[in-house]
Amino acid sequence: MPQYEVEITGESPQRLRARNVEDAVRRAGLAEATVEDDPDLHGWHAVTASGEEVARVREHNRMRFRRD
């Protein structure tokens, strides 16, 4: 099962195992939130609730920061 990084506003990021982005947001405790479809340059998807951004989520890729 893939891992996702979820960063709730004002908290440190956490890694969760989930089937997809929406499942990761739900496992982080944000059941009423919606996930934006378009990621930003670094792969983060905005998570909104009641019209304001409450968190962001992206797929955790161990090789992203690897230097050759």
PDB file of N, CA and C in Angstrom:
ATOM      1  N   MET A   1       0.846  -1.164   0.000  1.00  0.00           N
ATOM      2  CA  MET A   1       0.000   0.000   0.000  1.00  0.00           C
ATOM      3  C   MET A   1       0.901   1.239   0.000  1.00  0.00           C
ATOM      4  N   PRO A   2       0.622   2.218  -0.847  1.00  0.00           N
ATOM      5  CA  PRO A   2       1.475   3.410  -0.923  1.00  0.00           C
ATOM      6  C   PRO A   2       1.393   4.275   0.332  1.00  0.00           C
ATOM      7  N   GLN A   3       2.409   5.115   0.510  1.00  0.00           N
ATOM      8  CA  GLN A   3       2.433   6.045   1.633  1.00  0.00           C
ATOM      9  C   GLN A   3       2.159   7.455   1.130  1.00  0.00           C
ATOM     10  N   TYR A   4       1.514   8.250   1.993  1.00  0.00           N
ATOM     11  CA  TYR A   4       1.223   9.641   1.683  1.00  0.00           C
ATOM     12  C   TYR A   4       1.670  10.514   2.838  1.00  0.00           C
ATOM     13  N   GLU A   5       2.119  11.724   2.519  1.00  0.00           N
ATOM     14  CA  GLU A   5       2.448  12.716   3.534  1.00  0.00           C
ATOM     15  C   GLU A   5       1.255  13.646   3.660  1.00  0.00           C
ATOM     16  N   VAL A   6       0.764  13.828   4.869  1.00  0.00           N
ATOM     17  CA  VAL A   6      -0.337  14.747   5.128  1.00  0.00           C
ATOM     18  C   VAL A   6       0.179  15.806   6.090  1.00  0.00           C
ATOM     19  N   GLU A   7       0.034  17.072   5.695  1.00  0.00           N
ATOM     20  CA  GLU A   7       0.480  18.181   6.537  1.00  0.00           C
ATOM     21  C   GLU A   7      -0.729  19.053   6.850  1.00  0.00           C
ATOM     22  N   ILE A   8      -1.252  18.918   8.064  1.00  0.00           N
ATOM     23  CA  ILE A   8      -2.374  19.735   8.511  1.00  0.00           C
ATOM     24  C   ILE A   8      -1.816  21.090   8.915  1.00  0.00           C
ATOM     25  N   THR A   9      -2.521  22.161   8.594  1.00  0.00           N
ATOM     26  CA  THR A   9      -2.059  23.515   8.879  1.00  0.00           C
ATOM     27  C   THR A   9      -1.720  23.666  10.353  1.00  0.00           C
ATOM     28  N   GLY A  10      -0.493  24.105  10.630  1.00  0.00           N
ATOM     29  CA  GLY A  10      -0.047  24.324  11.998  1.00  0.00           C
ATOM     30  C   GLY A  10       0.518  23.100  12.688  1.00  0.00           C
ATOM     31  N   GLU A  11       0.590  21.972  12.001  1.00  0.00           N
ATOM     32  CA  GLU A  11       1.131  20.741  12.584  1.00  0.00           C
ATOM     33  C   GLU A  11       2.269  20.223  11.713  1.00  0.00           C
ATOM     34  N   SER A  12       3.032  19.308  12.253  1.00  0.00           N
ATOM     35  CA  SER A  12       4.111  18.718  11.458  1.00  0.00           C
ATOM     36  C   SER A  12       3.540  17.638  10.536  1.00  0.00           C
ATOM     37  N   PRO A  13       4.198  17.383   9.401  1.00  0.00           N
ATOM     38  CA  PRO A  13       3.692  16.374   8.465  1.00  0.00           C
ATOM     39  C   PRO A  13       3.723  14.972   9.067  1.00  0.00           C
ATOM     40  N   GLN A  14       2.790  14.153   8.635  1.00  0.00           N
ATOM     41  CA  GLN A  14       2.758  12.762   9.078  1.00  0.00           C
ATOM     42  C   GLN A  14       2.640  11.862   7.853  1.00  0.00           C
ATOM     43  N   ARG A  15       3.168  10.647   7.953  1.00  0.00           N
ATOM     44  CA  ARG A  15       3.085   9.683   6.865  1.00  0.00           C
ATOM     45  C   ARG A  15       2.021   8.660   7.194  1.00  0.00           C
ATOM     46  N   LEU A  16       1.179   8.397   6.208  1.00  0.00           N
ATOM     47  CA  LEU A  16       0.094   7.439   6.389  1.00  0.00           C
ATOM     48  C   LEU A  16       0.081   6.462   5.227  1.00  0.00           C
ATOM     49  N   ARG A  17      -0.256   5.230   5.504  1.00  0.00           N
ATOM     50  CA  ARG A  17      -0.483   4.256   4.438  1.00  0.00           C
ATOM     51  C   ARG A  17      -1.958   4.342   4.060  1.00  0.00           C
ATOM     52  N   ALA A  18      -2.204   4.489   2.762  1.00  0.00           N
ATOM     53  CA  ALA A  18      -3.578   4.619   2.284  1.00  0.00           C
ATOM     54  C   ALA A  18      -3.652   4.146   0.834  1.00  0.00           C
ATOM     55  N   ARG A  19      -4.862   3.873   0.383  1.00  0.00           N
ATOM     56  CA  ARG A  19      -5.050   3.395  -0.987  1.00  0.00           C
ATOM     57  C   ARG A  19      -4.938   4.517  -2.010  1.00  0.00           C
ATOM     58  N   ASN A  20      -5.372   5.739  -1.635  1.00  0.00           N
ATOM     59  CA  ASN A  20      -5.304   6.887  -2.536  1.00  0.00           C
ATOM     60  C   ASN A  20      -5.256   8.175  -1.708  1.00  0.00           C
ATOM     61  N   VAL A  21      -5.206   9.310  -2.380  1.00  0.00           N
ATOM     62  CA  VAL A  21      -5.076  10.604  -1.703  1.00  0.00           C
ATOM     63  C   VAL A  21      -6.273  10.870  -0.792  1.00  0.00           C
ATOM     64  N   GLU A  22      -7.477  10.607  -1.268  1.00  0.00           N
ATOM     65  CA  GLU A  22      -8.678  10.854  -0.470  1.00  0.00           C
ATOM     66  C   GLU A  22      -8.703   9.990   0.789  1.00  0.00           C
ATOM     67  N   ASP A  23      -8.277   8.741   0.658  1.00  0.00           N
ATOM     68  CA  ASP A  23      -8.217   7.844   1.810  1.00  0.00           C
ATOM     69  C   ASP A  23      -7.197   8.346   2.831  1.00  0.00           C
ATOM     70  N   ALA A  24      -6.072   8.881   2.370  1.00  0.00           N
ATOM     71  CA  ALA A  24      -5.060   9.427   3.281  1.00  0.00           C
ATOM     72  C   ALA A  24      -5.613  10.607   4.070  1.00  0.00           C
ATOM     73  N   VAL A  25      -6.363  11.468   3.412  1.00  0.00           N
ATOM     74  CA  VAL A  25      -6.963  12.628   4.091  1.00  0.00           C
ATOM     75  C   VAL A  25      -7.973  12.155   5.124  1.00  0.00           C
ATOM     76  N   ARG A  26      -8.768  11.160   4.782  1.00  0.00           N
ATOM     77  CA  ARG A  26      -9.761  10.629   5.718  1.00  0.00           C
ATOM     78  C   ARG A  26      -9.082   9.977   6.927  1.00  0.00           C
ATOM     79  N   ARG A  27      -7.991   9.249   6.706  1.00  0.00           N
ATOM     80  CA  ARG A  27      -7.265   8.618   7.812  1.00  0.00           C
ATOM     81  C   ARG A  27      -6.595   9.649   8.721  1.00  0.00           C
ATOM     82  N   ALA A  28      -6.307  10.841   8.189  1.00  0.00           N
ATOM     83  CA  ALA A  28      -5.700  11.908   8.998  1.00  0.00           C
ATOM     84  C   ALA A  28      -6.735  12.612   9.866  1.00  0.00           C
ATOM     85  N   GLY A  29      -8.018  12.276   9.702  1.00  0.00           N
ATOM     86  CA  GLY A  29      -9.059  12.855  10.537  1.00  0.00           C
ATOM     87  C   GLY A  29      -9.791  14.014   9.902  1.00  0.00           C
ATOM     88  N   LEU A  30      -9.667  14.181   8.594  1.00  0.00           N
ATOM     89  CA  LEU A  30     -10.331  15.275   7.890  1.00  0.00           C
ATOM     90  C   LEU A  30     -11.429  14.708   6.993  1.00  0.00           C
ATOM     91  N   ALA A  31     -12.452  14.153   7.599  1.00  0.00           N
ATOM     92  CA  ALA A  31     -13.497  13.456   6.847  1.00  0.00           C
ATOM     93  C   ALA A  31     -14.334  14.393   5.980  1.00  0.00           C
ATOM     94  N   GLU A  32     -14.533  15.625   6.402  1.00  0.00           N
ATOM     95  CA  GLU A  32     -15.392  16.565   5.680  1.00  0.00           C
ATOM     96  C   GLU A  32     -14.637  17.383   4.635  1.00  0.00           C
ATOM     97  N   ALA A  33     -13.362  17.126   4.436  1.00  0.00           N
ATOM     98  CA  ALA A  33     -12.537  17.918   3.528  1.00  0.00           C
ATOM     99  C   ALA A  33     -12.553  17.343   2.114  1.00  0.00           C
ATOM    100  N   THR A  34     -12.237  18.203   1.143  1.00  0.00           N
ATOM    101  CA  THR A  34     -12.118  17.779  -0.248  1.00  0.00           C
ATOM    102  C   THR A  34     -10.695  18.042  -0.730  1.00  0.00           C
ATOM    103  N   VAL A  35     -10.240  17.223  -1.665  1.00  0.00           N
ATOM    104  CA  VAL A  35      -8.873  17.313  -2.184  1.00  0.00           C
ATOM    105  C   VAL A  35      -8.917  17.933  -3.571  1.00  0.00           C
ATOM    106  N   GLU A  36      -8.053  18.933  -3.807  1.00  0.00           N
ATOM    107  CA  GLU A  36      -7.939  19.558  -5.126  1.00  0.00           C
ATOM    108  C   GLU A  36      -7.314  18.560  -6.098  1.00  0.00           C
ATOM    109  N   ASP A  37      -7.729  18.608  -7.349  1.00  0.00           N
ATOM    110  CA  ASP A  37      -7.220  17.666  -8.346  1.00  0.00           C
ATOM    111  C   ASP A  37      -5.817  17.999  -8.832  1.00  0.00           C
ATOM    112  N   ASP A  38      -5.502  19.290  -8.985  1.00  0.00           N
ATOM    113  CA  ASP A  38      -4.219  19.691  -9.560  1.00  0.00           C
ATOM    114  C   ASP A  38      -3.167  19.903  -8.482  1.00  0.00           C
ATOM    115  N   PRO A  39      -2.078  19.145  -8.513  1.00  0.00           N
ATOM    116  CA  PRO A  39      -0.998  19.357  -7.534  1.00  0.00           C
ATOM    117  C   PRO A  39      -0.152  20.567  -7.913  1.00  0.00           C
ATOM    118  N   ASP A  40       0.558  21.133  -6.928  1.00  0.00           N
ATOM    119  CA  ASP A  40       1.472  22.228  -7.225  1.00  0.00           C
ATOM    120  C   ASP A  40       2.790  21.666  -7.758  1.00  0.00           C
ATOM    121  N   LEU A  41       3.785  22.511  -7.890  1.00  0.00           N
ATOM    122  CA  LEU A  41       5.062  22.122  -8.482  1.00  0.00           C
ATOM    123  C   LEU A  41       5.744  20.976  -7.739  1.00  0.00           C
ATOM    124  N   HIS A  42       5.571  20.900  -6.424  1.00  0.00           N
ATOM    125  CA  HIS A  42       6.228  19.876  -5.615  1.00  0.00           C
ATOM    126  C   HIS A  42       5.339  18.665  -5.344  1.00  0.00           C
ATOM    127  N   GLY A  43       4.177  18.597  -5.976  1.00  0.00           N
ATOM    128  CA  GLY A  43       3.308  17.437  -5.845  1.00  0.00           C
ATOM    129  C   GLY A  43       2.273  17.517  -4.739  1.00  0.00           C
ATOM    130  N   TRP A  44       2.197  18.646  -4.037  1.00  0.00           N
ATOM    131  CA  TRP A  44       1.220  18.787  -2.952  1.00  0.00           C
ATOM    132  C   TRP A  44      -0.160  19.092  -3.518  1.00  0.00           C
ATOM    133  N   HIS A  45      -1.178  18.397  -3.011  1.00  0.00           N
ATOM    134  CA  HIS A  45      -2.576  18.672  -3.324  1.00  0.00           C
ATOM    135  C   HIS A  45      -3.155  19.463  -2.154  1.00  0.00           C
ATOM    136  N   ALA A  46      -3.851  20.548  -2.436  1.00  0.00           N
ATOM    137  CA  ALA A  46      -4.490  21.323  -1.372  1.00  0.00           C
ATOM    138  C   ALA A  46      -5.721  20.575  -0.872  1.00  0.00           C
ATOM    139  N   VAL A  47      -5.970  20.637   0.433  1.00  0.00           N
ATOM    140  CA  VAL A  47      -7.141  20.025   1.056  1.00  0.00           C
ATOM    141  C   VAL A  47      -7.961  21.164   1.645  1.00  0.00           C
ATOM    142  N   THR A  48      -9.214  21.294   1.197  1.00  0.00           N
ATOM    143  CA  THR A  48     -10.051  22.400   1.646  1.00  0.00           C
ATOM    144  C   THR A  48     -11.267  21.891   2.411  1.00  0.00           C
ATOM    145  N   ALA A  49     -11.700  22.715   3.364  1.00  0.00           N
ATOM    146  CA  ALA A  49     -12.923  22.457   4.119  1.00  0.00           C
ATOM    147  C   ALA A  49     -13.586  23.805   4.356  1.00  0.00           C
ATOM    148  N   SER A  50     -14.844  23.912   4.011  1.00  0.00           N
ATOM    149  CA  SER A  50     -15.606  25.158   4.155  1.00  0.00           C
ATOM    150  C   SER A  50     -14.949  26.306   3.404  1.00  0.00           C
ATOM    151  N   GLY A  51     -14.359  26.027   2.257  1.00  0.00           N
ATOM    152  CA  GLY A  51     -13.795  27.062   1.410  1.00  0.00           C
ATOM    153  C   GLY A  51     -12.399  27.533   1.756  1.00  0.00           C
ATOM    154  N   GLU A  52     -11.789  27.016   2.804  1.00  0.00           N
ATOM    155  CA  GLU A  52     -10.430  27.427   3.142  1.00  0.00           C
ATOM    156  C   GLU A  52      -9.506  26.216   3.216  1.00  0.00           C
ATOM    157  N   GLU A  53      -8.229  26.456   2.931  1.00  0.00           N
ATOM    158  CA  GLU A  53      -7.249  25.368   2.933  1.00  0.00           C
ATOM    159  C   GLU A  53      -6.907  24.975   4.363  1.00  0.00           C
ATOM    160  N   VAL A  54      -7.095  23.697   4.679  1.00  0.00           N
ATOM    161  CA  VAL A  54      -6.830  23.208   6.036  1.00  0.00           C
ATOM    162  C   VAL A  54      -5.630  22.271   6.097  1.00  0.00           C
ATOM    163  N   ALA A  55      -5.199  21.764   4.948  1.00  0.00           N
ATOM    164  CA  ALA A  55      -4.074  20.825   4.922  1.00  0.00           C
ATOM    165  C   ALA A  55      -3.582  20.687   3.492  1.00  0.00           C
ATOM    166  N   ARG A  56      -2.540  19.881   3.335  1.00  0.00           N
ATOM    167  CA  ARG A  56      -2.069  19.503   2.008  1.00  0.00           C
ATOM    168  C   ARG A  56      -1.546  18.074   2.081  1.00  0.00           C
ATOM    169  N   VAL A  57      -1.574  17.395   0.939  1.00  0.00           N
ATOM    170  CA  VAL A  57      -1.216  15.975   0.903  1.00  0.00           C
ATOM    171  C   VAL A  57      -0.452  15.681  -0.388  1.00  0.00           C
ATOM    172  N   ARG A  58       0.514  14.759  -0.306  1.00  0.00           N
ATOM    173  CA  ARG A  58       1.222  14.302  -1.501  1.00  0.00           C
ATOM    174  C   ARG A  58       1.675  12.869  -1.283  1.00  0.00           C
ATOM    175  N   GLU A  59       1.939  12.197  -2.387  1.00  0.00           N
ATOM    176  CA  GLU A  59       2.445  10.830  -2.297  1.00  0.00           C
ATOM    177  C   GLU A  59       3.882  10.876  -1.793  1.00  0.00           C
ATOM    178  N   HIS A  60       4.199  10.017  -0.834  1.00  0.00           N
ATOM    179  CA  HIS A  60       5.555   9.963  -0.285  1.00  0.00           C
ATOM    180  C   HIS A  60       6.410   9.090  -1.184  1.00  0.00           C
ATOM    181  N   ASN A  61       7.457   9.667  -1.709  1.00  0.00           N
ATOM    182  CA  ASN A  61       8.348   8.957  -2.606  1.00  0.00           C
ATOM    183  C   ASN A  61       9.745   8.983  -1.998  1.00  0.00           C
ATOM    184  N   ARG A  62      10.225   7.843  -1.556  1.00  0.00           N
ATOM    185  CA  ARG A  62      11.541   7.781  -0.904  1.00  0.00           C
ATOM    186  C   ARG A  62      12.664   8.252  -1.812  1.00  0.00           C
ATOM    187  N   MET A  63      12.515   8.102  -3.091  1.00  0.00           N
ATOM    188  CA  MET A  63      13.584   8.446  -4.025  1.00  0.00           C
ATOM    189  C   MET A  63      13.568   9.917  -4.441  1.00  0.00           C
ATOM    190  N   ARG A  64      12.583  10.685  -4.005  1.00  0.00           N
ATOM    191  CA  ARG A  64      12.449  12.076  -4.432  1.00  0.00           C
ATOM    192  C   ARG A  64      13.687  12.902  -4.078  1.00  0.00           C
ATOM    193  N   PHE A  65      14.233  12.719  -2.895  1.00  0.00           N
ATOM    194  CA  PHE A  65      15.336  13.552  -2.432  1.00  0.00           C
ATOM    195  C   PHE A  65      16.692  12.849  -2.527  1.00  0.00           C
ATOM    196  N   ARG A  66      16.730  11.764  -3.236  1.00  0.00           N
ATOM    197  CA  ARG A  66      17.986  11.024  -3.378  1.00  0.00           C
ATOM    198  C   ARG A  66      18.935  11.773  -4.309  1.00  0.00           C
ATOM    199  N   ARG A  67      20.173  11.844  -3.900  1.00  0.00           N
ATOM    200  CA  ARG A  67      21.182  12.492  -4.735  1.00  0.00           C
ATOM    201  C   ARG A  67      22.107  11.428  -5.302  1.00  0.00           C
ATOM    202  N   ASP A  68      22.340  11.497  -6.574  1.00  0.00           N
ATOM    203  CA  ASP A  68      23.228  10.520  -7.229  1.00  0.00           C
ATOM    204  C   ASP A  68      24.644  11.043  -7.305  1.00  0.00           C
TER     205      ASP A  68
END
